[in-house]
Amino acid sequence: MNMDWDSPKTIDTWVLDKIFDRSDGWNVPADEVPVQRMTTATDGNPNYRVTIDEIEIITWEVHRWLDVERNVSAGRLVARVQFNNITISNTHAFLTDTYSWNGLPAFGISPEGQPSLHTGFPIAPGFPIDLARRQLKVCMGLLAIQSRDLLTAWNRGTSTPQQPIDWTGVEGIASTAGTFLRALLGL
């Protein structure tokens, strides 16, 4: 019998724990990209906090659909950046940007009304760890770059990033992307 004070049983991950396991191939330097395992979900689902150039990205696995029945697998690996203290004045811009990015990343709005950026891709038990790791690195890189651009634009008081992108503002993120690339290529 579970009581309210009992902590939830931790869910075994399909790929996530192995993705960040240094003995299983995670070779991104910890001082450049800190990674912390957490179990903060109410259902005991582990998640990881990955910090890329001060952008906090939370990753976790979804194993089943909540509150709906679907005839397709729910299995996916998700990465999210949750923004705080942002006032949304033009939600249409979010939809337009998500459309222009072809859904990767995609915007969301938290129950508290705060914007977030999401990526995700399908996984299942036995999914190749190296493939999942490489896909997640790409997703986190996209989230970090787009988040930095958005924060820069919001801090300037504009509703969407200026076009073309000012790449000088994302030099640190480009450096981290280079670190991911070097790690991916084993250099």
C-alpha atoms as a PDB file:
ATOM      1  CA  MET A   1       0.000   0.000   0.000  1.00  0.00           C
ATOM      2  CA  ASN A   2       1.383   3.409  -0.994  1.00  0.00           C
ATOM      3  CA  MET A   3       0.954   6.208   1.488  1.00  0.00           C
ATOM      4  CA  ASP A   4       1.142   9.922   0.709  1.00  0.00           C
ATOM      5  CA  TRP A   5       4.494  10.159   2.459  1.00  0.00           C
ATOM      6  CA  ASP A   6       6.013   7.268   0.485  1.00  0.00           C
ATOM      7  CA  SER A   7       8.380   8.450  -2.217  1.00  0.00           C
ATOM      8  CA  PRO A   8       7.445   7.216  -5.692  1.00  0.00           C
ATOM      9  CA  LYS A   9       9.269   4.207  -7.056  1.00  0.00           C
ATOM     10  CA  THR A  10      11.887   5.337  -9.542  1.00  0.00           C
ATOM     11  CA  ILE A  11      11.077   4.294 -13.090  1.00  0.00           C
ATOM     12  CA  ASP A  12      13.808   2.426 -14.966  1.00  0.00           C
ATOM     13  CA  THR A  13      14.896   4.361 -18.031  1.00  0.00           C
ATOM     14  CA  TRP A  14      15.170   2.848 -21.495  1.00  0.00           C
ATOM     15  CA  VAL A  15      18.099   4.985 -22.705  1.00  0.00           C
ATOM     16  CA  LEU A  16      18.440   8.154 -20.626  1.00  0.00           C
ATOM     17  CA  ASP A  17      20.712   6.891 -17.838  1.00  0.00           C
ATOM     18  CA  LYS A  18      23.036   5.290 -20.381  1.00  0.00           C
ATOM     19  CA  ILE A  19      23.175   8.438 -22.529  1.00  0.00           C
ATOM     20  CA  PHE A  20      24.838  10.405 -19.721  1.00  0.00           C
ATOM     21  CA  ASP A  21      26.963   7.507 -18.415  1.00  0.00           C
ATOM     22  CA  ARG A  22      30.662   8.318 -18.925  1.00  0.00           C
ATOM     23  CA  SER A  23      31.563   4.611 -18.951  1.00  0.00           C
ATOM     24  CA  ASP A  24      29.020   4.104 -21.754  1.00  0.00           C
ATOM     25  CA  GLY A  25      30.209   6.901 -24.062  1.00  0.00           C
ATOM     26  CA  TRP A  26      29.190  10.314 -22.664  1.00  0.00           C
ATOM     27  CA  ASN A  27      32.385  12.265 -23.350  1.00  0.00           C
ATOM     28  CA  VAL A  28      31.381  15.898 -23.001  1.00  0.00           C
ATOM     29  CA  PRO A  29      33.546  17.586 -20.339  1.00  0.00           C
ATOM     30  CA  ALA A  30      31.594  18.106 -17.106  1.00  0.00           C
ATOM     31  CA  ASP A  31      33.100  21.561 -16.568  1.00  0.00           C
ATOM     32  CA  GLU A  32      31.777  22.704 -19.973  1.00  0.00           C
ATOM     33  CA  VAL A  33      28.352  21.047 -19.837  1.00  0.00           C
ATOM     34  CA  PRO A  34      27.276  20.168 -16.277  1.00  0.00           C
ATOM     35  CA  VAL A  35      24.823  17.259 -16.038  1.00  0.00           C
ATOM     36  CA  GLN A  36      22.789  16.411 -12.939  1.00  0.00           C
ATOM     37  CA  ARG A  37      20.436  13.437 -12.501  1.00  0.00           C
ATOM     38  CA  MET A  38      17.247  14.247 -10.604  1.00  0.00           C
ATOM     39  CA  THR A  39      14.038  12.458  -9.753  1.00  0.00           C
ATOM     40  CA  THR A  40      11.621  15.291  -9.264  1.00  0.00           C
ATOM     41  CA  ALA A  41       8.688  13.991 -11.252  1.00  0.00           C
ATOM     42  CA  THR A  42       5.769  12.927  -9.082  1.00  0.00           C
ATOM     43  CA  ASP A  43       5.683   9.553 -10.837  1.00  0.00           C
ATOM     44  CA  GLY A  44       9.354   8.784 -10.075  1.00  0.00           C
ATOM     45  CA  ASN A  45      10.468   9.319 -13.663  1.00  0.00           C
ATOM     46  CA  PRO A  46      14.160  10.329 -13.616  1.00  0.00           C
ATOM     47  CA  ASN A  47      15.220  13.432 -15.464  1.00  0.00           C
ATOM     48  CA  TYR A  48      18.488  15.186 -16.100  1.00  0.00           C
ATOM     49  CA  ARG A  49      19.395  18.859 -15.865  1.00  0.00           C
ATOM     50  CA  VAL A  50      21.941  19.773 -18.545  1.00  0.00           C
ATOM     51  CA  THR A  51      23.355  23.302 -18.503  1.00  0.00           C
ATOM     52  CA  ILE A  52      24.705  24.691 -21.758  1.00  0.00           C
ATOM     53  CA  ASP A  53      26.059  28.251 -21.525  1.00  0.00           C
ATOM     54  CA  GLU A  54      23.666  29.077 -18.664  1.00  0.00           C
ATOM     55  CA  ILE A  55      20.665  27.587 -20.498  1.00  0.00           C
ATOM     56  CA  GLU A  56      19.062  24.903 -18.317  1.00  0.00           C
ATOM     57  CA  ILE A  57      17.677  21.972 -20.303  1.00  0.00           C
ATOM     58  CA  ILE A  58      15.660  19.222 -18.641  1.00  0.00           C
ATOM     59  CA  THR A  59      15.519  15.812 -20.346  1.00  0.00           C
ATOM     60  CA  TRP A  60      13.317  12.833 -19.562  1.00  0.00           C
ATOM     61  CA  GLU A  61      11.635   9.802 -21.102  1.00  0.00           C
ATOM     62  CA  VAL A  62       7.944   9.353 -21.737  1.00  0.00           C
ATOM     63  CA  HIS A  63       6.836   5.709 -21.617  1.00  0.00           C
ATOM     64  CA  ARG A  64       3.053   5.951 -21.687  1.00  0.00           C
ATOM     65  CA  TRP A  65       0.278   8.350 -22.606  1.00  0.00           C
ATOM     66  CA  LEU A  66      -1.351  10.183 -19.732  1.00  0.00           C
ATOM     67  CA  ASP A  67      -5.130  10.506 -19.618  1.00  0.00           C
ATOM     68  CA  VAL A  68      -5.629   9.440 -23.256  1.00  0.00           C
ATOM     69  CA  GLU A  69      -5.658   6.261 -25.288  1.00  0.00           C
ATOM     70  CA  ARG A  70      -3.721   6.240 -28.537  1.00  0.00           C
ATOM     71  CA  ASN A  71      -2.928   3.497 -30.997  1.00  0.00           C
ATOM     72  CA  VAL A  72       0.731   4.570 -31.314  1.00  0.00           C
ATOM     73  CA  SER A  73       3.582   4.233 -28.850  1.00  0.00           C
ATOM     74  CA  ALA A  74       4.097   7.076 -26.396  1.00  0.00           C
ATOM     75  CA  GLY A  75       7.798   6.250 -26.070  1.00  0.00           C
ATOM     76  CA  ARG A  76       9.957   9.319 -26.614  1.00  0.00           C
ATOM     77  CA  LEU A  77      12.919  11.211 -25.229  1.00  0.00           C
ATOM     78  CA  VAL A  78      12.069  14.841 -24.467  1.00  0.00           C
ATOM     79  CA  ALA A  79      14.214  17.909 -23.816  1.00  0.00           C
ATOM     80  CA  ARG A  80      12.740  21.194 -22.608  1.00  0.00           C
ATOM     81  CA  VAL A  81      13.831  24.712 -21.727  1.00  0.00           C
ATOM     82  CA  GLN A  82      11.363  26.397 -19.384  1.00  0.00           C
ATOM     83  CA  PHE A  83      11.465  30.198 -19.369  1.00  0.00           C
ATOM     84  CA  ASN A  84      10.429  32.223 -16.330  1.00  0.00           C
ATOM     85  CA  ASN A  85       9.205  35.775 -15.798  1.00  0.00           C
ATOM     86  CA  ILE A  86       8.347  36.294 -19.462  1.00  0.00           C
ATOM     87  CA  THR A  87       5.193  38.168 -20.436  1.00  0.00           C
ATOM     88  CA  ILE A  88       3.662  36.805 -23.630  1.00  0.00           C
ATOM     89  CA  SER A  89       2.137  39.545 -25.755  1.00  0.00           C
ATOM     90  CA  ASN A  90       2.003  37.791 -29.135  1.00  0.00           C
ATOM     91  CA  THR A  91       1.313  34.055 -29.056  1.00  0.00           C
ATOM     92  CA  HIS A  92       0.902  34.131 -32.830  1.00  0.00           C
ATOM     93  CA  ALA A  93       4.665  34.744 -33.113  1.00  0.00           C
ATOM     94  CA  PHE A  94       5.279  31.464 -31.252  1.00  0.00           C
ATOM     95  CA  LEU A  95       3.163  29.523 -33.712  1.00  0.00           C
ATOM     96  CA  THR A  96       4.804  31.257 -36.663  1.00  0.00           C
ATOM     97  CA  ASP A  97       8.286  30.466 -35.327  1.00  0.00           C
ATOM     98  CA  THR A  98       7.384  26.842 -34.598  1.00  0.00           C
ATOM     99  CA  TYR A  99       6.054  26.581 -38.147  1.00  0.00           C
ATOM    100  CA  SER A 100       9.211  28.103 -39.654  1.00  0.00           C
ATOM    101  CA  TRP A 101      11.406  25.772 -37.564  1.00  0.00           C
ATOM    102  CA  ASN A 102       9.359  22.785 -38.779  1.00  0.00           C
ATOM    103  CA  GLY A 103       8.506  21.926 -35.189  1.00  0.00           C
ATOM    104  CA  LEU A 104      12.055  21.485 -33.929  1.00  0.00           C
ATOM    105  CA  PRO A 105      12.088  23.054 -31.464  1.00  0.00           C
ATOM    106  CA  ALA A 106       8.443  23.750 -30.732  1.00  0.00           C
ATOM    107  CA  PHE A 107       6.955  26.263 -28.309  1.00  0.00           C
ATOM    108  CA  GLY A 108       4.729  25.374 -25.400  1.00  0.00           C
ATOM    109  CA  ILE A 109       3.075  27.247 -22.579  1.00  0.00           C
ATOM    110  CA  SER A 110       3.337  25.916 -19.013  1.00  0.00           C
ATOM    111  CA  PRO A 111       0.296  25.701 -16.718  1.00  0.00           C
ATOM    112  CA  GLU A 112       1.664  28.919 -15.158  1.00  0.00           C
ATOM    113  CA  GLY A 113       1.502  30.656 -18.561  1.00  0.00           C
ATOM    114  CA  GLN A 114       5.263  30.708 -19.138  1.00  0.00           C
ATOM    115  CA  PRO A 115       6.785  29.841 -22.517  1.00  0.00           C
ATOM    116  CA  SER A 116       8.954  26.795 -23.103  1.00  0.00           C
ATOM    117  CA  LEU A 117      10.821  25.221 -25.989  1.00  0.00           C
ATOM    118  CA  HIS A 118      10.623  21.467 -26.564  1.00  0.00           C
ATOM    119  CA  THR A 119      12.209  18.800 -28.688  1.00  0.00           C
ATOM    120  CA  GLY A 120      11.626  15.083 -28.686  1.00  0.00           C
ATOM    121  CA  PHE A 121      12.091  11.939 -30.692  1.00  0.00           C
ATOM    122  CA  PRO A 122      10.706   8.392 -30.520  1.00  0.00           C
ATOM    123  CA  ILE A 123      12.467   5.750 -28.425  1.00  0.00           C
ATOM    124  CA  ALA A 124      11.633   2.271 -27.143  1.00  0.00           C
ATOM    125  CA  PRO A 125      13.281  -0.403 -25.011  1.00  0.00           C
ATOM    126  CA  GLY A 126      16.429  -1.538 -26.811  1.00  0.00           C
ATOM    127  CA  PHE A 127      16.789   1.731 -28.778  1.00  0.00           C
ATOM    128  CA  PRO A 128      20.476   2.168 -29.757  1.00  0.00           C
ATOM    129  CA  ILE A 129      22.152   4.277 -27.047  1.00  0.00           C
ATOM    130  CA  ASP A 130      24.696   5.910 -29.352  1.00  0.00           C
ATOM    131  CA  LEU A 131      21.965   7.005 -31.776  1.00  0.00           C
ATOM    132  CA  ALA A 132      19.842   8.370 -28.916  1.00  0.00           C
ATOM    133  CA  ARG A 133      22.869  10.214 -27.510  1.00  0.00           C
ATOM    134  CA  ARG A 134      23.682  11.839 -30.865  1.00  0.00           C
ATOM    135  CA  GLN A 135      20.060  12.826 -31.465  1.00  0.00           C
ATOM    136  CA  LEU A 136      19.764  14.289 -27.968  1.00  0.00           C
ATOM    137  CA  LYS A 137      22.965  16.317 -28.442  1.00  0.00           C
ATOM    138  CA  VAL A 138      21.510  17.824 -31.616  1.00  0.00           C
ATOM    139  CA  CYS A 139      18.210  18.565 -29.846  1.00  0.00           C
ATOM    140  CA  MET A 140      19.951  20.182 -26.862  1.00  0.00           C
ATOM    141  CA  GLY A 141      22.165  22.226 -29.184  1.00  0.00           C
ATOM    142  CA  LEU A 142      19.105  23.526 -31.044  1.00  0.00           C
ATOM    143  CA  LEU A 143      17.374  24.346 -27.759  1.00  0.00           C
ATOM    144  CA  ALA A 144      20.419  26.186 -26.401  1.00  0.00           C
ATOM    145  CA  ILE A 145      20.936  28.280 -29.531  1.00  0.00           C
ATOM    146  CA  GLN A 146      17.260  29.158 -29.981  1.00  0.00           C
ATOM    147  CA  SER A 147      16.825  29.881 -26.253  1.00  0.00           C
ATOM    148  CA  ARG A 148      19.783  32.248 -26.252  1.00  0.00           C
ATOM    149  CA  ASP A 149      18.399  34.060 -29.325  1.00  0.00           C
ATOM    150  CA  LEU A 150      14.965  34.367 -27.713  1.00  0.00           C
ATOM    151  CA  LEU A 151      16.343  35.620 -24.401  1.00  0.00           C
ATOM    152  CA  THR A 152      18.459  38.175 -26.244  1.00  0.00           C
ATOM    153  CA  ALA A 153      15.432  39.366 -28.218  1.00  0.00           C
ATOM    154  CA  TRP A 154      13.168  39.472 -25.160  1.00  0.00           C
ATOM    155  CA  ASN A 155      15.780  41.412 -23.206  1.00  0.00           C
ATOM    156  CA  ARG A 156      15.853  43.940 -26.070  1.00  0.00           C
ATOM    157  CA  GLY A 157      12.083  44.216 -25.810  1.00  0.00           C
ATOM    158  CA  THR A 158      11.260  42.659 -29.183  1.00  0.00           C
ATOM    159  CA  SER A 159       8.677  39.929 -29.548  1.00  0.00           C
ATOM    160  CA  THR A 160      10.745  37.709 -31.872  1.00  0.00           C
ATOM    161  CA  PRO A 161      14.445  37.387 -32.671  1.00  0.00           C
ATOM    162  CA  GLN A 162      15.794  39.849 -35.216  1.00  0.00           C
ATOM    163  CA  GLN A 163      16.605  38.430 -38.632  1.00  0.00           C
ATOM    164  CA  PRO A 164      19.300  37.682 -39.567  1.00  0.00           C
ATOM    165  CA  ILE A 165      20.634  36.151 -36.356  1.00  0.00           C
ATOM    166  CA  ASP A 166      23.457  38.048 -34.687  1.00  0.00           C
ATOM    167  CA  TRP A 167      25.929  35.179 -34.325  1.00  0.00           C
ATOM    168  CA  THR A 168      28.296  37.204 -32.140  1.00  0.00           C
ATOM    169  CA  GLY A 169      25.778  36.859 -29.344  1.00  0.00           C
ATOM    170  CA  VAL A 170      25.936  33.086 -29.404  1.00  0.00           C
ATOM    171  CA  GLU A 171      29.696  32.533 -29.496  1.00  0.00           C
ATOM    172  CA  GLY A 172      29.636  30.570 -26.237  1.00  0.00           C
ATOM    173  CA  ILE A 173      26.872  28.321 -27.516  1.00  0.00           C
ATOM    174  CA  ALA A 174      28.777  27.776 -30.743  1.00  0.00           C
ATOM    175  CA  SER A 175      31.778  26.800 -28.609  1.00  0.00           C
ATOM    176  CA  THR A 176      29.641  24.265 -26.741  1.00  0.00           C
ATOM    177  CA  ALA A 177      28.235  22.978 -30.028  1.00  0.00           C
ATOM    178  CA  GLY A 178      31.860  22.506 -31.108  1.00  0.00           C
ATOM    179  CA  THR A 179      32.500  20.551 -27.913  1.00  0.00           C
ATOM    180  CA  PHE A 180      29.515  18.311 -28.736  1.00  0.00           C
ATOM    181  CA  LEU A 181      30.787  17.843 -32.275  1.00  0.00           C
ATOM    182  CA  ARG A 182      34.313  16.984 -31.131  1.00  0.00           C
ATOM    183  CA  ALA A 183      32.892  14.498 -28.628  1.00  0.00           C
ATOM    184  CA  LEU A 184      30.639  13.007 -31.297  1.00  0.00           C
ATOM    185  CA  LEU A 185      33.570  12.563 -33.689  1.00  0.00           C
ATOM    186  CA  GLY A 186      35.913  11.340 -30.956  1.00  0.00           C
ATOM    187  CA  LEU A 187      38.387  14.191 -31.467  1.00  0.00           C
END
